[in-house]
PDB file of N, CA and C in Angstrom:
ATOM      1  N   UNK A   1      -0.669   9.976   9.872  1.00  0.00           N
ATOM      2  CA  UNK A   1      -0.008   9.216  10.998  1.00  0.00           C
ATOM      3  C   UNK A   1      -0.291   9.790  12.334  1.00  0.00           C
ATOM      4  N   UNK A   2      -1.155  10.710  12.444  1.00  0.00           N
ATOM      5  CA  UNK A   2      -1.468  11.411  13.691  1.00  0.00           C
ATOM      6  C   UNK A   2      -2.004  10.327  14.695  1.00  0.00           C
ATOM      7  N   UNK A   3      -1.312  10.257  15.873  1.00  0.00           N
ATOM      8  CA  UNK A   3      -1.734   9.309  16.911  1.00  0.00           C
ATOM      9  C   UNK A   3      -1.192   7.932  16.752  1.00  0.00           C
ATOM     10  N   UNK A   4      -0.515   7.596  15.665  1.00  0.00           N
ATOM     11  CA  UNK A   4      -0.013   6.280  15.411  1.00  0.00           C
ATOM     12  C   UNK A   4       1.503   6.377  15.276  1.00  0.00           C
ATOM     13  N   UNK A   5       2.174   5.323  15.747  1.00  0.00           N
ATOM     14  CA  UNK A   5       3.661   5.193  15.599  1.00  0.00           C
ATOM     15  C   UNK A   5       4.109   3.985  14.805  1.00  0.00           C
ATOM     16  N   UNK A   6       3.339   3.681  13.804  1.00  0.00           N
ATOM     17  CA  UNK A   6       3.656   2.517  12.949  1.00  0.00           C
ATOM     18  C   UNK A   6       3.121   2.849  11.558  1.00  0.00           C
ATOM     19  N   UNK A   7       3.662   2.157  10.535  1.00  0.00           N
ATOM     20  CA  UNK A   7       3.139   2.357   9.189  1.00  0.00           C
ATOM     21  C   UNK A   7       2.118   1.378   8.861  1.00  0.00           C
ATOM     22  N   UNK A   8       0.963   1.881   8.408  1.00  0.00           N
ATOM     23  CA  UNK A   8      -0.203   0.955   7.977  1.00  0.00           C
ATOM     24  C   UNK A   8      -0.158   0.699   6.583  1.00  0.00           C
ATOM     25  N   UNK A   9      -1.036  -0.214   6.141  1.00  0.00           N
ATOM     26  CA  UNK A   9      -1.293  -0.425   4.691  1.00  0.00           C
ATOM     27  C   UNK A   9      -1.721   0.844   3.983  1.00  0.00           C
ATOM     28  N   UNK A  10      -2.559   1.628   4.624  1.00  0.00           N
ATOM     29  CA  UNK A  10      -3.092   2.822   4.059  1.00  0.00           C
ATOM     30  C   UNK A  10      -1.949   3.821   3.838  1.00  0.00           C
ATOM     31  N   UNK A  11      -0.986   3.903   4.833  1.00  0.00           N
ATOM     32  CA  UNK A  11       0.195   4.797   4.651  1.00  0.00           C
ATOM     33  C   UNK A  11       0.934   4.406   3.370  1.00  0.00           C
ATOM     34  N   UNK A  12       1.148   3.123   3.261  1.00  0.00           N
ATOM     35  CA  UNK A  12       1.955   2.690   2.050  1.00  0.00           C
ATOM     36  C   UNK A  12       1.262   2.932   0.849  1.00  0.00           C
ATOM     37  N   UNK A  13      -0.057   2.653   0.707  1.00  0.00           N
ATOM     38  CA  UNK A  13      -0.832   2.834  -0.459  1.00  0.00           C
ATOM     39  C   UNK A  13      -0.925   4.315  -0.811  1.00  0.00           C
ATOM     40  N   UNK A  14      -0.897   5.261   0.194  1.00  0.00           N
ATOM     41  CA  UNK A  14      -0.985   6.657  -0.125  1.00  0.00           C
ATOM     42  C   UNK A  14       0.217   7.140  -0.776  1.00  0.00           C
ATOM     43  N   UNK A  15       1.374   6.491  -0.656  1.00  0.00           N
ATOM     44  CA  UNK A  15       2.579   6.949  -1.437  1.00  0.00           C
ATOM     45  C   UNK A  15       3.008   6.055  -2.532  1.00  0.00           C
ATOM     46  N   UNK A  16       2.321   4.904  -2.785  1.00  0.00           N
ATOM     47  CA  UNK A  16       2.719   4.040  -3.809  1.00  0.00           C
ATOM     48  C   UNK A  16       2.724   4.515  -5.154  1.00  0.00           C
ATOM     49  N   UNK A  17       1.690   5.278  -5.509  1.00  0.00           N
ATOM     50  CA  UNK A  17       1.639   5.838  -6.952  1.00  0.00           C
ATOM     51  C   UNK A  17       2.797   6.809  -7.207  1.00  0.00           C
ATOM     52  N   UNK A  18       2.960   7.809  -6.416  1.00  0.00           N
ATOM     53  CA  UNK A  18       4.109   8.661  -6.794  1.00  0.00           C
ATOM     54  C   UNK A  18       5.482   8.068  -6.733  1.00  0.00           C
ATOM     55  N   UNK A  19       5.604   7.146  -5.814  1.00  0.00           N
ATOM     56  CA  UNK A  19       6.962   6.538  -5.651  1.00  0.00           C
ATOM     57  C   UNK A  19       7.241   5.451  -6.709  1.00  0.00           C
ATOM     58  N   UNK A  20       6.257   4.728  -7.123  1.00  0.00           N
ATOM     59  CA  UNK A  20       6.385   3.603  -8.104  1.00  0.00           C
ATOM     60  C   UNK A  20       6.066   3.766  -9.515  1.00  0.00           C
ATOM     61  N   UNK A  21       5.234   4.829  -9.875  1.00  0.00           N
ATOM     62  CA  UNK A  21       4.744   4.976 -11.268  1.00  0.00           C
ATOM     63  C   UNK A  21       5.919   5.040 -12.269  1.00  0.00           C
ATOM     64  N   UNK A  22       6.915   5.643 -11.938  1.00  0.00           N
ATOM     65  CA  UNK A  22       8.056   5.793 -12.852  1.00  0.00           C
ATOM     66  C   UNK A  22       8.793   4.463 -13.062  1.00  0.00           C
ATOM     67  N   UNK A  23       8.506   3.523 -12.243  1.00  0.00           N
ATOM     68  CA  UNK A  23       9.167   2.193 -12.402  1.00  0.00           C
ATOM     69  C   UNK A  23       8.378   1.171 -13.186  1.00  0.00           C
ATOM     70  N   UNK A  24       7.183   1.520 -13.595  1.00  0.00           N
ATOM     71  CA  UNK A  24       6.327   0.551 -14.355  1.00  0.00           C
ATOM     72  C   UNK A  24       6.514   0.814 -15.808  1.00  0.00           C
ATOM     73  N   UNK A  25       6.813  -0.293 -16.488  1.00  0.00           N
ATOM     74  CA  UNK A  25       6.900  -0.305 -18.007  1.00  0.00           C
ATOM     75  C   UNK A  25       5.722  -1.160 -18.445  1.00  0.00           C
ATOM     76  N   UNK A  26       4.830  -0.583 -19.244  1.00  0.00           N
ATOM     77  CA  UNK A  26       3.707  -1.309 -19.714  1.00  0.00           C
ATOM     78  C   UNK A  26       4.054  -2.081 -20.951  1.00  0.00           C
ATOM     79  N   UNK A  27       3.439  -3.236 -21.183  1.00  0.00           N
ATOM     80  CA  UNK A  27       3.589  -3.985 -22.369  1.00  0.00           C
ATOM     81  C   UNK A  27       2.564  -3.577 -23.332  1.00  0.00           C
ATOM     82  N   UNK A  28       2.659  -4.071 -24.530  1.00  0.00           N
ATOM     83  CA  UNK A  28       1.675  -3.722 -25.640  1.00  0.00           C
ATOM     84  C   UNK A  28       0.222  -4.012 -25.216  1.00  0.00           C
ATOM     85  N   UNK A  29       0.039  -5.146 -24.553  1.00  0.00           N
ATOM     86  CA  UNK A  29      -1.387  -5.437 -24.300  1.00  0.00           C
ATOM     87  C   UNK A  29      -1.952  -4.446 -23.228  1.00  0.00           C
ATOM     88  N   UNK A  30      -1.222  -4.003 -22.219  1.00  0.00           N
ATOM     89  CA  UNK A  30      -1.655  -3.088 -21.365  1.00  0.00           C
ATOM     90  C   UNK A  30      -1.923  -1.666 -22.073  1.00  0.00           C
ATOM     91  N   UNK A  31      -1.020  -1.284 -22.987  1.00  0.00           N
ATOM     92  CA  UNK A  31      -1.239  -0.021 -23.624  1.00  0.00           C
ATOM     93  C   UNK A  31      -2.334  -0.162 -24.584  1.00  0.00           C
ATOM     94  N   UNK A  32      -2.616  -1.339 -25.198  1.00  0.00           N
ATOM     95  CA  UNK A  32      -3.702  -1.448 -26.179  1.00  0.00           C
ATOM     96  C   UNK A  32      -5.026  -1.390 -25.313  1.00  0.00           C
ATOM     97  N   UNK A  33      -5.112  -1.791 -24.111  1.00  0.00           N
ATOM     98  CA  UNK A  33      -6.166  -1.743 -23.247  1.00  0.00           C
ATOM     99  C   UNK A  33      -6.422  -0.441 -22.681  1.00  0.00           C
ATOM    100  N   UNK A  34      -5.571   0.537 -22.972  1.00  0.00           N
ATOM    101  CA  UNK A  34      -5.700   1.911 -22.438  1.00  0.00           C
ATOM    102  C   UNK A  34      -5.287   2.088 -21.080  1.00  0.00           C
ATOM    103  N   UNK A  35      -4.510   1.201 -20.493  1.00  0.00           N
ATOM    104  CA  UNK A  35      -4.096   1.228 -19.125  1.00  0.00           C
ATOM    105  C   UNK A  35      -2.802   2.125 -18.931  1.00  0.00           C
ATOM    106  N   UNK A  36      -2.769   2.718 -17.881  1.00  0.00           N
ATOM    107  CA  UNK A  36      -1.424   3.466 -17.609  1.00  0.00           C
ATOM    108  C   UNK A  36      -0.813   2.964 -16.297  1.00  0.00           C
ATOM    109  N   UNK A  37       0.321   3.430 -16.004  1.00  0.00           N
ATOM    110  CA  UNK A  37       1.060   2.884 -14.770  1.00  0.00           C
ATOM    111  C   UNK A  37       0.230   2.979 -13.504  1.00  0.00           C
ATOM    112  N   UNK A  38      -0.459   4.100 -13.362  1.00  0.00           N
ATOM    113  CA  UNK A  38      -1.371   4.231 -12.166  1.00  0.00           C
ATOM    114  C   UNK A  38      -2.468   3.258 -11.961  1.00  0.00           C
ATOM    115  N   UNK A  39      -3.029   2.910 -13.164  1.00  0.00           N
ATOM    116  CA  UNK A  39      -4.083   1.790 -13.124  1.00  0.00           C
ATOM    117  C   UNK A  39      -3.466   0.457 -12.708  1.00  0.00           C
ATOM    118  N   UNK A  40      -2.327   0.157 -13.249  1.00  0.00           N
ATOM    119  CA  UNK A  40      -1.684  -1.088 -12.911  1.00  0.00           C
ATOM    120  C   UNK A  40      -1.391  -1.108 -11.419  1.00  0.00           C
ATOM    121  N   UNK A  41      -0.834  -0.040 -10.884  1.00  0.00           N
ATOM    122  CA  UNK A  41      -0.439  -0.008  -9.488  1.00  0.00           C
ATOM    123  C   UNK A  41      -1.802  -0.077  -8.675  1.00  0.00           C
ATOM    124  N   UNK A  42      -2.877   0.604  -9.007  1.00  0.00           N
ATOM    125  CA  UNK A  42      -4.052   0.540  -8.303  1.00  0.00           C
ATOM    126  C   UNK A  42      -4.601  -0.930  -8.245  1.00  0.00           C
ATOM    127  N   UNK A  43      -4.508  -1.608  -9.341  1.00  0.00           N
ATOM    128  CA  UNK A  43      -4.989  -3.056  -9.376  1.00  0.00           C
ATOM    129  C   UNK A  43      -4.108  -3.857  -8.474  1.00  0.00           C
ATOM    130  N   UNK A  44      -2.816  -3.684  -8.425  1.00  0.00           N
ATOM    131  CA  UNK A  44      -1.860  -4.387  -7.587  1.00  0.00           C
ATOM    132  C   UNK A  44      -2.129  -4.142  -6.135  1.00  0.00           C
ATOM    133  N   UNK A  45      -2.376  -2.809  -5.835  1.00  0.00           N
ATOM    134  CA  UNK A  45      -2.657  -2.415  -4.449  1.00  0.00           C
ATOM    135  C   UNK A  45      -3.946  -3.152  -3.944  1.00  0.00           C
ATOM    136  N   UNK A  46      -4.945  -3.293  -4.798  1.00  0.00           N
ATOM    137  CA  UNK A  46      -6.177  -3.979  -4.394  1.00  0.00           C
ATOM    138  C   UNK A  46      -6.003  -5.431  -4.092  1.00  0.00           C
ATOM    139  N   UNK A  47      -4.939  -5.993  -4.598  1.00  0.00           N
ATOM    140  CA  UNK A  47      -4.636  -7.397  -4.357  1.00  0.00           C
ATOM    141  C   UNK A  47      -3.896  -7.612  -3.081  1.00  0.00           C
ATOM    142  N   UNK A  48      -3.342  -6.539  -2.491  1.00  0.00           N
ATOM    143  CA  UNK A  48      -2.627  -6.656  -1.253  1.00  0.00           C
ATOM    144  C   UNK A  48      -3.535  -7.116  -0.205  1.00  0.00           C
ATOM    145  N   UNK A  49      -3.146  -8.115   0.687  1.00  0.00           N
ATOM    146  CA  UNK A  49      -3.921  -8.395   1.869  1.00  0.00           C
ATOM    147  C   UNK A  49      -3.946  -7.335   2.800  1.00  0.00           C
ATOM    148  N   UNK A  50      -5.049  -7.219   3.556  1.00  0.00           N
ATOM    149  CA  UNK A  50      -5.299  -6.264   4.532  1.00  0.00           C
ATOM    150  C   UNK A  50      -4.897  -6.813   5.897  1.00  0.00           C
ATOM    151  N   UNK A  51      -3.649  -6.855   6.152  1.00  0.00           N
ATOM    152  CA  UNK A  51      -3.123  -7.536   7.338  1.00  0.00           C
ATOM    153  C   UNK A  51      -3.680  -6.930   8.691  1.00  0.00           C
ATOM    154  N   UNK A  52      -3.824  -5.633   8.717  1.00  0.00           N
ATOM    155  CA  UNK A  52      -4.300  -5.067   9.975  1.00  0.00           C
ATOM    156  C   UNK A  52      -5.764  -5.444  10.321  1.00  0.00           C
ATOM    157  N   UNK A  53      -6.470  -5.994   9.297  1.00  0.00           N
ATOM    158  CA  UNK A  53      -7.929  -6.466   9.539  1.00  0.00           C
ATOM    159  C   UNK A  53      -7.935  -7.822  10.182  1.00  0.00           C
ATOM    160  N   UNK A  54      -6.809  -8.510  10.294  1.00  0.00           N
ATOM    161  CA  UNK A  54      -6.840  -9.849  10.872  1.00  0.00           C
ATOM    162  C   UNK A  54      -6.356  -9.696  12.296  1.00  0.00           C
ATOM    163  N   UNK A  55      -6.638 -10.692  13.142  1.00  0.00           N
ATOM    164  CA  UNK A  55      -6.136 -10.678  14.550  1.00  0.00           C
ATOM    165  C   UNK A  55      -4.671 -10.604  14.637  1.00  0.00           C
ATOM    166  N   UNK A  56      -3.968 -11.384  13.696  1.00  0.00           N
ATOM    167  CA  UNK A  56      -2.435 -11.357  13.725  1.00  0.00           C
ATOM    168  C   UNK A  56      -2.010  -9.935  13.377  1.00  0.00           C
ATOM    169  N   UNK A  57      -2.667  -9.280  12.440  1.00  0.00           N
ATOM    170  CA  UNK A  57      -2.275  -7.944  12.070  1.00  0.00           C
ATOM    171  C   UNK A  57      -2.482  -6.926  13.133  1.00  0.00           C
ATOM    172  N   UNK A  58      -3.517  -7.016  13.955  1.00  0.00           N
ATOM    173  CA  UNK A  58      -3.779  -6.184  15.108  1.00  0.00           C
ATOM    174  C   UNK A  58      -2.698  -6.366  16.155  1.00  0.00           C
ATOM    175  N   UNK A  59      -2.263  -7.737  16.364  1.00  0.00           N
ATOM    176  CA  UNK A  59      -1.253  -7.957  17.310  1.00  0.00           C
ATOM    177  C   UNK A  59       0.004  -7.378  16.853  1.00  0.00           C
ATOM    178  N   UNK A  60       0.355  -7.418  15.532  1.00  0.00           N
ATOM    179  CA  UNK A  60       1.614  -6.874  15.035  1.00  0.00           C
ATOM    180  C   UNK A  60       1.587  -5.340  15.296  1.00  0.00           C
ATOM    181  N   UNK A  61       0.465  -4.744  14.982  1.00  0.00           N
ATOM    182  CA  UNK A  61       0.353  -3.321  15.173  1.00  0.00           C
ATOM    183  C   UNK A  61       0.708  -2.856  16.631  1.00  0.00           C
ATOM    184  N   UNK A  62       0.167  -3.687  17.505  1.00  0.00           N
ATOM    185  CA  UNK A  62       0.429  -3.384  18.995  1.00  0.00           C
ATOM    186  C   UNK A  62       1.874  -3.642  19.349  1.00  0.00           C
ATOM    187  N   UNK A  63       2.450  -4.734  18.689  1.00  0.00           N
ATOM    188  CA  UNK A  63       3.819  -5.093  18.949  1.00  0.00           C
ATOM    189  C   UNK A  63       4.824  -4.073  18.464  1.00  0.00           C
ATOM    190  N   UNK A  64       4.537  -3.440  17.362  1.00  0.00           N
ATOM    191  CA  UNK A  64       5.443  -2.463  16.808  1.00  0.00           C
ATOM    192  C   UNK A  64       5.068  -1.014  17.183  1.00  0.00           C
ATOM    193  N   UNK A  65       4.060  -0.847  17.996  1.00  0.00           N
ATOM    194  CA  UNK A  65       3.685   0.546  18.465  1.00  0.00           C
ATOM    195  C   UNK A  65       4.800   1.082  19.349  1.00  0.00           C
ATOM    196  N   UNK A  66       5.087   2.291  19.192  1.00  0.00           N
ATOM    197  CA  UNK A  66       6.135   3.001  19.891  1.00  0.00           C
ATOM    198  C   UNK A  66       5.708   3.031  21.373  1.00  0.00           C
ATOM    199  N   UNK A  67       6.645   2.804  22.357  1.00  0.00           N
ATOM    200  CA  UNK A  67       6.200   3.016  23.646  1.00  0.00           C
ATOM    201  C   UNK A  67       5.582   4.337  24.121  1.00  0.00           C
ATOM    202  N   UNK A  68       5.996   5.372  23.363  1.00  0.00           N
ATOM    203  CA  UNK A  68       5.481   6.754  23.638  1.00  0.00           C
ATOM    204  C   UNK A  68       4.223   7.051  22.898  1.00  0.00           C
ATOM    205  N   UNK A  69       3.656   6.173  22.077  1.00  0.00           N
ATOM    206  CA  UNK A  69       2.413   6.392  21.440  1.00  0.00           C
ATOM    207  C   UNK A  69       1.243   6.412  22.391  1.00  0.00           C
ATOM    208  N   UNK A  70       0.283   7.264  21.983  1.00  0.00           N
ATOM    209  CA  UNK A  70      -0.932   7.363  22.900  1.00  0.00           C
ATOM    210  C   UNK A  70      -1.954   6.476  22.447  1.00  0.00           C
TER     211      UNK A  70
END
């Protein structure tokens, strides 16, 4: 977060696995396919839109930027 005063998609993704892995319960099909909770979360994260890559997302980043941010 150095130099930023807002939370980005990458910030959320960096903590998603340790925070959420214990909340995932795999069904038989996932286990039979050899998946684990981390793999399910990685696939879900890949489906998240990259908001900050859009013009609207860049505007939001500026809007929520702290006044004391450099």
